Amino acid sequence: MADHALHHDHPHGLAHQFEDMPQQKESAVIGMWSFLITEILFFGGFFATYLIYRSYYPEAFFEGSSHLDIPLGAFNTIVLIVSSLTMAMAVHKSHEGNKRGILVYLTLTGILGLTFLVVKYFEYSAKIEYGLVPGLVWHPHGENSPQLALFYSLYFGMTGMHALHMIIGIGLLIWVFVKTAQGTYTAEYNAPIEIFGLYWHFVDIVWIFLFPLLYLLGLQGGH
């Protein structure tokens, strides 16, 4: 009888090692922020490498940037900004315990994430067609060819890792969607949705830095 009463009083979603839901949520948030700090260091290495080589070879980097499709990059930037808004709305609906609202906004977020990846697919395809992929198909043979190859190596490295994070994010989104549909999350237990939202916003913010560094640099160089 006592065991039954104890089980009945145990809040839904509360792991046994935590005293209450706020403590569990705080631990999850700290864990996610710790992970995101490692991600900042990871992408920070890319950004530092890019800035160093850009200072060494400005003309080659201006030329490489001028080959990128600014309208597509700007379109993807808008797509990700809107996806951050829909993700924030999903988190808001989770606080209300609005299952239908969560599912609607998660679906919109997923569609926007897939839209971003489809656009990147067409961008990458164009680079392959024009022979601008170092190590795979490389056509430029001018004076700046080695430095231009360095720009494109960084371009594919940085945007490729970002796209990989988007793919992982969509996988996590599907998992959160299924759990939500199963009724796992409530107004009291919604930490996984909020934690996933932090990840999604981080990936979006990384792109906000990538777009001007890679796509808009050519404008600065007058190309």
Foldseek 3Di string as FASTA:
>chain_A
DVVVVVVVPDDAPDDPVDDDLVVVLVVLQVVLVVVVVVVCVVVVVLVVVLVVLCVVPVVLLLVLLQPADLVLLVVLLVLLVVLLVLLVQLLVVLLVFNLVSNLVSLVSSLVSLVVSVVSVVVRVVVCVVVQLAPPPGHDDDDPCRVSNNVSNVSVCVLVVVLNVLSVVLSVLSVVVSVCSVVVSGGSSRDSSSVSSSVSSVSSSVSSVVVSCSRNVSNVVVVD
